[in-house]
PDB file of all heavy atoms in Angstrom:
ATOM      1  N   ARG A   1      77.788 100.982  88.503  1.00  0.00           N
ATOM      2  CA  ARG A   1      79.048 100.220  88.697  1.00  0.00           C
ATOM      3  C   ARG A   1      79.963 100.450  87.493  1.00  0.00           C
ATOM      4  O   ARG A   1      81.165 100.616  87.657  1.00  0.00           O
ATOM      5  CB  ARG A   1      78.779  98.751  88.948  1.00  0.00           C
ATOM      6  CG  ARG A   1      80.086  98.008  89.207  1.00  0.00           C
ATOM      7  CD  ARG A   1      79.787  96.520  89.378  1.00  0.00           C
ATOM      8  NE  ARG A   1      81.022  95.762  89.389  1.00  0.00           N
ATOM      9  CZ  ARG A   1      81.480  95.030  90.427  1.00  0.00           C
ATOM     10  NH1 ARG A   1      80.813  95.044  91.571  1.00  0.00           N
ATOM     11  NH2 ARG A   1      82.599  94.367  90.360  1.00  0.00           N
ATOM     12  N   LEU A   2      79.433 100.381  86.268  1.00  0.00           N
ATOM     13  CA  LEU A   2      80.273 100.461  85.063  1.00  0.00           C
ATOM     14  C   LEU A   2      80.980 101.845  84.999  1.00  0.00           C
ATOM     15  O   LEU A   2      82.190 101.918  84.704  1.00  0.00           O
ATOM     16  CB  LEU A   2      79.471 100.182  83.836  1.00  0.00           C
ATOM     17  CG  LEU A   2      79.044  98.711  83.616  1.00  0.00           C
ATOM     18  CD1 LEU A   2      78.173  98.651  82.351  1.00  0.00           C
ATOM     19  CD2 LEU A   2      80.228  97.831  83.490  1.00  0.00           C
ATOM     20  N   THR A   3      80.223 102.887  85.237  1.00  0.00           N
ATOM     21  CA  THR A   3      80.845 104.237  85.239  1.00  0.00           C
ATOM     22  C   THR A   3      81.852 104.368  86.303  1.00  0.00           C
ATOM     23  O   THR A   3      82.933 104.935  86.105  1.00  0.00           O
ATOM     24  CB  THR A   3      79.733 105.314  85.398  1.00  0.00           C
ATOM     25  OG1 THR A   3      78.857 105.253  84.283  1.00  0.00           O
ATOM     26  CG2 THR A   3      80.372 106.671  85.453  1.00  0.00           C
ATOM     27  N   PHE A   4      81.560 103.820  87.507  1.00  0.00           N
ATOM     28  CA  PHE A   4      82.466 103.931  88.604  1.00  0.00           C
ATOM     29  C   PHE A   4      83.743 103.130  88.324  1.00  0.00           C
ATOM     30  O   PHE A   4      84.840 103.656  88.562  1.00  0.00           O
ATOM     31  CB  PHE A   4      81.811 103.356  89.877  1.00  0.00           C
ATOM     32  CG  PHE A   4      82.596 103.421  91.086  1.00  0.00           C
ATOM     33  CD1 PHE A   4      82.921 104.619  91.698  1.00  0.00           C
ATOM     34  CD2 PHE A   4      83.078 102.229  91.692  1.00  0.00           C
ATOM     35  CE1 PHE A   4      83.682 104.680  92.878  1.00  0.00           C
ATOM     36  CE2 PHE A   4      83.899 102.301  92.855  1.00  0.00           C
ATOM     37  CZ  PHE A   4      84.147 103.500  93.436  1.00  0.00           C
ATOM     38  N   GLU A   5      83.573 101.910  87.793  1.00  0.00           N
ATOM     39  CA  GLU A   5      84.788 101.136  87.447  1.00  0.00           C
ATOM     40  C   GLU A   5      85.630 101.814  86.382  1.00  0.00           C
ATOM     41  O   GLU A   5      86.872 101.797  86.455  1.00  0.00           O
ATOM     42  CB  GLU A   5      84.355  99.730  86.972  1.00  0.00           C
ATOM     43  CG  GLU A   5      85.546  98.857  86.736  1.00  0.00           C
ATOM     44  CD  GLU A   5      85.144  97.403  86.447  1.00  0.00           C
ATOM     45  OE1 GLU A   5      84.155  96.912  87.062  1.00  0.00           O
ATOM     46  OE2 GLU A   5      85.873  96.745  85.677  1.00  0.00           O
ATOM     47  N   GLY A   6      85.002 102.439  85.433  1.00  0.00           N
ATOM     48  CA  GLY A   6      85.766 103.165  84.449  1.00  0.00           C
ATOM     49  C   GLY A   6      86.550 104.300  85.076  1.00  0.00           C
ATOM     50  O   GLY A   6      87.726 104.526  84.680  1.00  0.00           O
ATOM     51  N   ALA A   7      85.940 105.012  86.013  1.00  0.00           N
ATOM     52  CA  ALA A   7      86.655 106.098  86.695  1.00  0.00           C
ATOM     53  C   ALA A   7      87.804 105.485  87.515  1.00  0.00           C
ATOM     54  O   ALA A   7      88.895 106.154  87.616  1.00  0.00           O
ATOM     55  CB  ALA A   7      85.743 106.833  87.615  1.00  0.00           C
ATOM     56  N   LEU A   8      87.623 104.381  88.124  1.00  0.00           N
ATOM     57  CA  LEU A   8      88.680 103.727  88.846  1.00  0.00           C
ATOM     58  C   LEU A   8      89.909 103.381  87.936  1.00  0.00           C
ATOM     59  O   LEU A   8      91.047 103.545  88.333  1.00  0.00           O
ATOM     60  CB  LEU A   8      88.226 102.489  89.590  1.00  0.00           C
ATOM     61  CG  LEU A   8      87.286 102.618  90.736  1.00  0.00           C
ATOM     62  CD1 LEU A   8      86.819 101.255  91.238  1.00  0.00           C
ATOM     63  CD2 LEU A   8      87.985 103.367  91.910  1.00  0.00           C
ATOM     64  N   ARG A   9      89.580 102.802  86.785  1.00  0.00           N
ATOM     65  CA  ARG A   9      90.629 102.440  85.865  1.00  0.00           C
ATOM     66  C   ARG A   9      91.381 103.694  85.392  1.00  0.00           C
ATOM     67  O   ARG A   9      92.638 103.665  85.263  1.00  0.00           O
ATOM     68  CB  ARG A   9      90.065 101.690  84.689  1.00  0.00           C
ATOM     69  CG  ARG A   9      89.528 100.296  85.058  1.00  0.00           C
ATOM     70  CD  ARG A   9      89.080  99.499  83.892  1.00  0.00           C
ATOM     71  NE  ARG A   9      88.489  98.225  84.241  1.00  0.00           N
ATOM     72  CZ  ARG A   9      89.123  97.102  84.509  1.00  0.00           C
ATOM     73  NH1 ARG A   9      90.430  97.114  84.405  1.00  0.00           N
ATOM     74  NH2 ARG A   9      88.474  96.012  84.784  1.00  0.00           N
ATOM     75  N   GLY A  10      90.673 104.743  85.149  1.00  0.00           N
ATOM     76  CA  GLY A  10      91.375 106.002  84.811  1.00  0.00           C
ATOM     77  C   GLY A  10      92.247 106.494  85.944  1.00  0.00           C
ATOM     78  O   GLY A  10      93.337 106.992  85.720  1.00  0.00           O
ATOM     79  N   LEU A  11      91.742 106.397  87.167  1.00  0.00           N
ATOM     80  CA  LEU A  11      92.500 106.839  88.331  1.00  0.00           C
ATOM     81  C   LEU A  11      93.823 106.017  88.412  1.00  0.00           C
ATOM     82  O   LEU A  11      94.904 106.562  88.665  1.00  0.00           O
ATOM     83  CB  LEU A  11      91.623 106.682  89.590  1.00  0.00           C
ATOM     84  CG  LEU A  11      92.213 107.202  90.898  1.00  0.00           C
ATOM     85  CD1 LEU A  11      92.313 108.665  90.830  1.00  0.00           C
ATOM     86  CD2 LEU A  11      91.266 106.756  92.051  1.00  0.00           C
ATOM     87  N   PHE A  12      93.653 104.702  88.269  1.00  0.00           N
ATOM     88  CA  PHE A  12      94.820 103.845  88.311  1.00  0.00           C
ATOM     89  C   PHE A  12      95.846 104.216  87.218  1.00  0.00           C
ATOM     90  O   PHE A  12      97.021 104.332  87.469  1.00  0.00           O
ATOM     91  CB  PHE A  12      94.436 102.348  88.118  1.00  0.00           C
ATOM     92  CG  PHE A  12      95.589 101.379  88.244  1.00  0.00           C
ATOM     93  CD1 PHE A  12      96.007 100.872  89.471  1.00  0.00           C
ATOM     94  CD2 PHE A  12      96.286 101.048  87.086  1.00  0.00           C
ATOM     95  CE1 PHE A  12      97.048 100.062  89.551  1.00  0.00           C
ATOM     96  CE2 PHE A  12      97.354 100.187  87.177  1.00  0.00           C
ATOM     97  CZ  PHE A  12      97.742  99.648  88.394  1.00  0.00           C
ATOM     98  N   GLY A  13      95.337 104.426  86.002  1.00  0.00           N
ATOM     99  CA  GLY A  13      96.255 104.726  84.896  1.00  0.00           C
ATOM    100  C   GLY A  13      96.981 106.002  85.155  1.00  0.00           C
ATOM    101  O   GLY A  13      98.168 106.100  84.732  1.00  0.00           O
ATOM    102  N   ARG A  14      96.351 107.043  85.703  1.00  0.00           N
ATOM    103  CA  ARG A  14      97.030 108.317  85.918  1.00  0.00           C
ATOM    104  C   ARG A  14      98.095 108.257  87.001  1.00  0.00           C
ATOM    105  O   ARG A  14      99.076 108.989  86.942  1.00  0.00           O
ATOM    106  CB  ARG A  14      95.995 109.375  86.312  1.00  0.00           C
ATOM    107  CG  ARG A  14      95.090 109.815  85.196  1.00  0.00           C
ATOM    108  CD  ARG A  14      94.328 111.083  85.594  1.00  0.00           C
ATOM    109  NE  ARG A  14      93.487 110.920  86.762  1.00  0.00           N
ATOM    110  CZ  ARG A  14      92.304 110.378  86.768  1.00  0.00           C
ATOM    111  NH1 ARG A  14      91.761 109.871  85.650  1.00  0.00           N
ATOM    112  NH2 ARG A  14      91.559 110.346  87.921  1.00  0.00           N
ATOM    113  N   HIS A  15      97.902 107.363  87.983  1.00  0.00           N
ATOM    114  CA  HIS A  15      98.796 107.335  89.117  1.00  0.00           C
ATOM    115  C   HIS A  15      99.728 106.164  89.226  1.00  0.00           C
ATOM    116  O   HIS A  15     100.602 106.158  90.103  1.00  0.00           O
ATOM    117  CB  HIS A  15      97.960 107.470  90.377  1.00  0.00           C
ATOM    118  CG  HIS A  15      97.222 108.777  90.499  1.00  0.00           C
ATOM    119  ND1 HIS A  15      97.853 109.965  90.802  1.00  0.00           N
ATOM    120  CD2 HIS A  15      95.942 109.127  90.254  1.00  0.00           C
ATOM    121  CE1 HIS A  15      96.999 110.952  90.787  1.00  0.00           C
ATOM    122  NE2 HIS A  15      95.819 110.477  90.463  1.00  0.00           N
ATOM    123  N   GLN A  16      99.588 105.167  88.374  1.00  0.00           N
ATOM    124  CA  GLN A  16     100.388 103.964  88.540  1.00  0.00           C
ATOM    125  C   GLN A  16     101.806 104.318  88.169  1.00  0.00           C
ATOM    126  O   GLN A  16     102.133 105.126  87.340  1.00  0.00           O
ATOM    127  CB  GLN A  16      99.869 102.846  87.630  1.00  0.00           C
ATOM    128  CG  GLN A  16      99.857 103.176  86.131  1.00  0.00           C
ATOM    129  CD  GLN A  16     101.196 102.850  85.454  1.00  0.00           C
ATOM    130  OE1 GLN A  16     101.991 102.023  85.933  1.00  0.00           O
ATOM    131  NE2 GLN A  16     101.461 103.496  84.297  1.00  0.00           N
ATOM    132  N   GLN A  17     102.699 103.617  88.833  1.00  0.00           N
ATOM    133  CA  GLN A  17     104.144 103.669  88.552  1.00  0.00           C
ATOM    134  C   GLN A  17     104.650 102.229  88.515  1.00  0.00           C
ATOM    135  O   GLN A  17     104.530 101.516  89.484  1.00  0.00           O
ATOM    136  CB  GLN A  17     104.883 104.488  89.590  1.00  0.00           C
ATOM    137  CG  GLN A  17     104.521 105.963  89.570  1.00  0.00           C
ATOM    138  CD  GLN A  17     105.392 106.751  90.540  1.00  0.00           C
ATOM    139  OE1 GLN A  17     106.250 106.241  91.265  1.00  0.00           O
ATOM    140  NE2 GLN A  17     105.172 108.083  90.549  1.00  0.00           N
ATOM    141  N   GLY A  18     105.166 101.816  87.360  1.00  0.00           N
ATOM    142  CA  GLY A  18     105.613 100.428  87.193  1.00  0.00           C
ATOM    143  C   GLY A  18     104.508  99.464  87.336  1.00  0.00           C
ATOM    144  O   GLY A  18     104.678  98.349  87.780  1.00  0.00           O
ATOM    145  N   GLY A  19     103.278  99.908  86.947  1.00  0.00           N
ATOM    146  CA  GLY A  19     102.106  99.051  86.941  1.00  0.00           C
ATOM    147  C   GLY A  19     101.473  98.814  88.313  1.00  0.00           C
ATOM    148  O   GLY A  19     100.691  97.860  88.532  1.00  0.00           O
ATOM    149  N   ALA A  20     101.766  99.717  89.241  1.00  0.00           N
ATOM    150  CA  ALA A  20     101.191  99.582  90.587  1.00  0.00           C
ATOM    151  C   ALA A  20     100.925 100.973  91.219  1.00  0.00           C
ATOM    152  O   ALA A  20     101.536 101.956  90.834  1.00  0.00           O
ATOM    153  CB  ALA A  20     102.181  98.851  91.528  1.00  0.00           C
ATOM    154  N   VAL A  21      99.975 100.970  92.148  1.00  0.00           N
ATOM    155  CA  VAL A  21      99.704 102.138  92.944  1.00  0.00           C
ATOM    156  C   VAL A  21      99.779 101.700  94.417  1.00  0.00           C
ATOM    157  O   VAL A  21      99.725 100.530  94.724  1.00  0.00           O
ATOM    158  CB  VAL A  21      98.295 102.742  92.658  1.00  0.00           C
ATOM    159  CG1 VAL A  21      98.190 103.281  91.244  1.00  0.00           C
ATOM    160  CG2 VAL A  21      97.170 101.725  92.956  1.00  0.00           C
ATOM    161  N   GLU A  22      99.831 102.697  95.328  1.00  0.00           N
ATOM    162  CA  GLU A  22      99.975 102.408  96.737  1.00  0.00           C
ATOM    163  C   GLU A  22      98.885 103.122  97.506  1.00  0.00           C
ATOM    164  O   GLU A  22      98.640 104.351  97.290  1.00  0.00           O
ATOM    165  CB  GLU A  22     101.336 102.852  97.226  1.00  0.00           C
ATOM    166  CG  GLU A  22     101.601 102.460  98.647  1.00  0.00           C
ATOM    167  CD  GLU A  22     103.075 102.727  99.058  1.00  0.00           C
ATOM    168  OE1 GLU A  22     103.895 101.845  98.829  1.00  0.00           O
ATOM    169  OE2 GLU A  22     103.331 103.833  99.538  1.00  0.00           O
ATOM    170  N   PHE A  23      98.214 102.433  98.363  1.00  0.00           N
ATOM    171  CA  PHE A  23      97.310 103.023  99.368  1.00  0.00           C
ATOM    172  C   PHE A  23      98.103 103.202 100.631  1.00  0.00           C
ATOM    173  O   PHE A  23      98.689 102.258 101.155  1.00  0.00           O
ATOM    174  CB  PHE A  23      96.181 102.022  99.684  1.00  0.00           C
ATOM    175  CG  PHE A  23      94.876 102.264  98.878  1.00  0.00           C
ATOM    176  CD1 PHE A  23      94.953 102.830  97.627  1.00  0.00           C
ATOM    177  CD2 PHE A  23      93.705 101.860  99.329  1.00  0.00           C
ATOM    178  CE1 PHE A  23      93.829 103.035  96.829  1.00  0.00           C
ATOM    179  CE2 PHE A  23      92.513 102.095  98.605  1.00  0.00           C
ATOM    180  CZ  PHE A  23      92.586 102.657  97.327  1.00  0.00           C
ATOM    181  N   GLN A  24      98.097 104.428 101.173  1.00  0.00           N
ATOM    182  CA  GLN A  24      98.738 104.667 102.488  1.00  0.00           C
ATOM    183  C   GLN A  24      97.610 104.717 103.572  1.00  0.00           C
ATOM    184  O   GLN A  24      96.515 105.216 103.295  1.00  0.00           O
ATOM    185  CB  GLN A  24      99.483 105.964 102.469  1.00  0.00           C
ATOM    186  CG  GLN A  24     100.697 105.983 101.584  1.00  0.00           C
ATOM    187  CD  GLN A  24     100.441 106.571 100.208  1.00  0.00           C
ATOM    188  OE1 GLN A  24      99.414 107.186  99.964  1.00  0.00           O
ATOM    189  NE2 GLN A  24     101.329 106.340  99.296  1.00  0.00           N
ATOM    190  N   TYR A  25      97.955 104.146 104.737  1.00  0.00           N
ATOM    191  CA  TYR A  25      97.055 104.115 105.807  1.00  0.00           C
ATOM    192  C   TYR A  25      97.675 104.750 107.082  1.00  0.00           C
ATOM    193  O   TYR A  25      98.919 104.699 107.256  1.00  0.00           O
ATOM    194  CB  TYR A  25      96.693 102.660 106.206  1.00  0.00           C
ATOM    195  CG  TYR A  25      95.995 101.887 105.089  1.00  0.00           C
ATOM    196  CD1 TYR A  25      96.683 101.030 104.313  1.00  0.00           C
ATOM    197  CD2 TYR A  25      94.599 102.092 104.806  1.00  0.00           C
ATOM    198  CE1 TYR A  25      96.064 100.269 103.369  1.00  0.00           C
ATOM    199  CE2 TYR A  25      93.981 101.333 103.850  1.00  0.00           C
ATOM    200  CZ  TYR A  25      94.735 100.432 103.092  1.00  0.00           C
ATOM    201  OH  TYR A  25      94.085  99.760 102.088  1.00  0.00           O
ATOM    202  N   ARG A  26      96.831 105.227 107.975  1.00  0.00           N
ATOM    203  CA  ARG A  26      97.185 105.489 109.352  1.00  0.00           C
ATOM    204  C   ARG A  26      96.539 104.350 110.127  1.00  0.00           C
ATOM    205  O   ARG A  26      95.313 104.272 110.200  1.00  0.00           O
ATOM    206  CB  ARG A  26      96.629 106.822 109.781  1.00  0.00           C
ATOM    207  CG  ARG A  26      97.200 108.030 109.088  1.00  0.00           C
ATOM    208  CD  ARG A  26      96.369 109.259 109.367  1.00  0.00           C
ATOM    209  NE  ARG A  26      95.950 109.416 110.780  1.00  0.00           N
ATOM    210  CZ  ARG A  26      94.696 109.446 111.120  1.00  0.00           C
ATOM    211  NH1 ARG A  26      93.712 109.376 110.259  1.00  0.00           N
ATOM    212  NH2 ARG A  26      94.374 109.531 112.408  1.00  0.00           N
ATOM    213  N   SER A  27      97.375 103.502 110.727  1.00  0.00           N
ATOM    214  CA  SER A  27      96.856 102.417 111.539  1.00  0.00           C
ATOM    215  C   SER A  27      96.733 102.980 112.991  1.00  0.00           C
ATOM    216  O   SER A  27      97.737 103.157 113.693  1.00  0.00           O
ATOM    217  CB  SER A  27      97.760 101.210 111.542  1.00  0.00           C
ATOM    218  OG  SER A  27      97.757 100.654 110.240  1.00  0.00           O
ATOM    219  N   VAL A  28      95.467 103.226 113.388  1.00  0.00           N
ATOM    220  CA  VAL A  28      95.241 103.916 114.674  1.00  0.00           C
ATOM    221  C   VAL A  28      94.636 102.896 115.660  1.00  0.00           C
ATOM    222  O   VAL A  28      93.821 102.041 115.277  1.00  0.00           O
ATOM    223  CB  VAL A  28      94.309 105.106 114.525  1.00  0.00           C
ATOM    224  CG1 VAL A  28      94.934 106.179 113.671  1.00  0.00           C
ATOM    225  CG2 VAL A  28      92.935 104.656 113.939  1.00  0.00           C
ATOM    226  N   GLY A  29      95.118 102.915 116.881  1.00  0.00           N
ATOM    227  CA  GLY A  29      94.675 102.001 117.895  1.00  0.00           C
ATOM    228  C   GLY A  29      94.400 102.658 119.200  1.00  0.00           C
ATOM    229  O   GLY A  29      95.013 103.687 119.555  1.00  0.00           O
ATOM    230  N   LEU A  30      93.458 102.087 119.976  1.00  0.00           N
ATOM    231  CA  LEU A  30      93.126 102.520 121.325  1.00  0.00           C
ATOM    232  C   LEU A  30      92.978 101.295 122.190  1.00  0.00           C
ATOM    233  O   LEU A  30      92.276 100.348 121.893  1.00  0.00           O
ATOM    234  CB  LEU A  30      91.822 103.288 121.302  1.00  0.00           C
ATOM    235  CG  LEU A  30      91.421 104.017 122.602  1.00  0.00           C
ATOM    236  CD1 LEU A  30      92.219 105.239 122.813  1.00  0.00           C
ATOM    237  CD2 LEU A  30      89.906 104.392 122.527  1.00  0.00           C
ATOM    238  N   CYS A  31      93.739 101.284 123.308  1.00  0.00           N
ATOM    239  CA  CYS A  31      93.616 100.254 124.316  1.00  0.00           C
ATOM    240  C   CYS A  31      92.957 100.909 125.576  1.00  0.00           C
ATOM    241  O   CYS A  31      93.302 102.030 125.959  1.00  0.00           O
ATOM    242  CB  CYS A  31      94.982  99.693 124.690  1.00  0.00           C
ATOM    243  SG  CYS A  31      95.652  98.517 123.535  1.00  0.00           S
TER     244      CYS A  31
END
């Protein structure tokens, strides 16, 4: 977990803009 969390923090630091990052989703549905 510690190594993984460190990698996540690095990922956030590389991609943040104004202190935030965005996850994009495809919201898919079937009726």
